């Protein structure tokens, strides 16, 4: 188990940056985007 949460903070920073780039999405599309983001992250662990 890592001693810091830097990787987790980096993941949420990337998510926030991507959401801000697509600011015109409806709530439903935003939820689908976030689910897809974490699904892609889960399929490609680093």
C-alpha atoms as a PDB file:
ATOM      1  CA  UNK A   1       0.000   0.000   0.000  1.00  0.00           C
ATOM      2  CA  UNK A   2       1.450   3.377  -0.981  1.00  0.00           C
ATOM      3  CA  UNK A   3       2.250   5.954   1.679  1.00  0.00           C
ATOM      4  CA  UNK A   4       0.797   8.852  -0.337  1.00  0.00           C
ATOM      5  CA  UNK A   5      -2.317   9.543  -2.345  1.00  0.00           C
ATOM      6  CA  UNK A   6      -0.491  11.234  -5.246  1.00  0.00           C
ATOM      7  CA  UNK A   7      -1.698   8.721  -7.834  1.00  0.00           C
ATOM      8  CA  UNK A   8      -5.319   9.107  -6.734  1.00  0.00           C
ATOM      9  CA  UNK A   9      -5.022  12.905  -6.811  1.00  0.00           C
ATOM     10  CA  UNK A  10      -3.550  12.670 -10.304  1.00  0.00           C
ATOM     11  CA  UNK A  11      -6.463  10.545 -11.509  1.00  0.00           C
ATOM     12  CA  UNK A  12      -9.033  13.027 -10.213  1.00  0.00           C
ATOM     13  CA  UNK A  13      -7.045  15.918 -11.713  1.00  0.00           C
ATOM     14  CA  UNK A  14      -7.191  14.218 -15.117  1.00  0.00           C
ATOM     15  CA  UNK A  15     -10.919  13.598 -14.701  1.00  0.00           C
ATOM     16  CA  UNK A  16     -11.600  17.231 -13.776  1.00  0.00           C
ATOM     17  CA  UNK A  17      -9.515  18.468 -16.718  1.00  0.00           C
ATOM     18  CA  UNK A  18     -11.417  16.238 -19.131  1.00  0.00           C
ATOM     19  CA  UNK A  19     -14.798  17.302 -17.748  1.00  0.00           C
ATOM     20  CA  UNK A  20     -13.848  20.974 -18.040  1.00  0.00           C
ATOM     21  CA  UNK A  21     -12.867  20.434 -21.681  1.00  0.00           C
ATOM     22  CA  UNK A  22     -16.377  19.099 -22.343  1.00  0.00           C
ATOM     23  CA  UNK A  23     -18.318  21.619 -20.276  1.00  0.00           C
ATOM     24  CA  UNK A  24     -21.482  21.610 -22.407  1.00  0.00           C
ATOM     25  CA  UNK A  25     -22.548  18.065 -21.522  1.00  0.00           C
ATOM     26  CA  UNK A  26     -25.894  17.290 -19.949  1.00  0.00           C
ATOM     27  CA  UNK A  27     -25.976  15.603 -16.551  1.00  0.00           C
ATOM     28  CA  UNK A  28     -26.736  12.206 -18.101  1.00  0.00           C
ATOM     29  CA  UNK A  29     -23.851  12.473 -20.568  1.00  0.00           C
ATOM     30  CA  UNK A  30     -21.529  13.687 -17.806  1.00  0.00           C
ATOM     31  CA  UNK A  31     -22.382  10.585 -15.739  1.00  0.00           C
ATOM     32  CA  UNK A  32     -21.724   8.363 -18.763  1.00  0.00           C
ATOM     33  CA  UNK A  33     -18.410  10.162 -19.356  1.00  0.00           C
ATOM     34  CA  UNK A  34     -17.279   9.656 -15.749  1.00  0.00           C
ATOM     35  CA  UNK A  35     -18.304   5.984 -15.798  1.00  0.00           C
ATOM     36  CA  UNK A  36     -16.406   5.494 -19.052  1.00  0.00           C
ATOM     37  CA  UNK A  37     -13.362   7.266 -17.628  1.00  0.00           C
ATOM     38  CA  UNK A  38     -13.164   4.903 -14.658  1.00  0.00           C
ATOM     39  CA  UNK A  39     -13.996   1.881 -16.797  1.00  0.00           C
ATOM     40  CA  UNK A  40     -11.107   2.732 -19.134  1.00  0.00           C
ATOM     41  CA  UNK A  41      -8.857   3.304 -16.130  1.00  0.00           C
ATOM     42  CA  UNK A  42      -9.807  -0.090 -14.685  1.00  0.00           C
ATOM     43  CA  UNK A  43      -9.028  -1.841 -17.969  1.00  0.00           C
ATOM     44  CA  UNK A  44      -5.617  -0.189 -18.197  1.00  0.00           C
ATOM     45  CA  UNK A  45      -3.994  -0.236 -14.738  1.00  0.00           C
ATOM     46  CA  UNK A  46      -0.664   1.555 -14.488  1.00  0.00           C
END
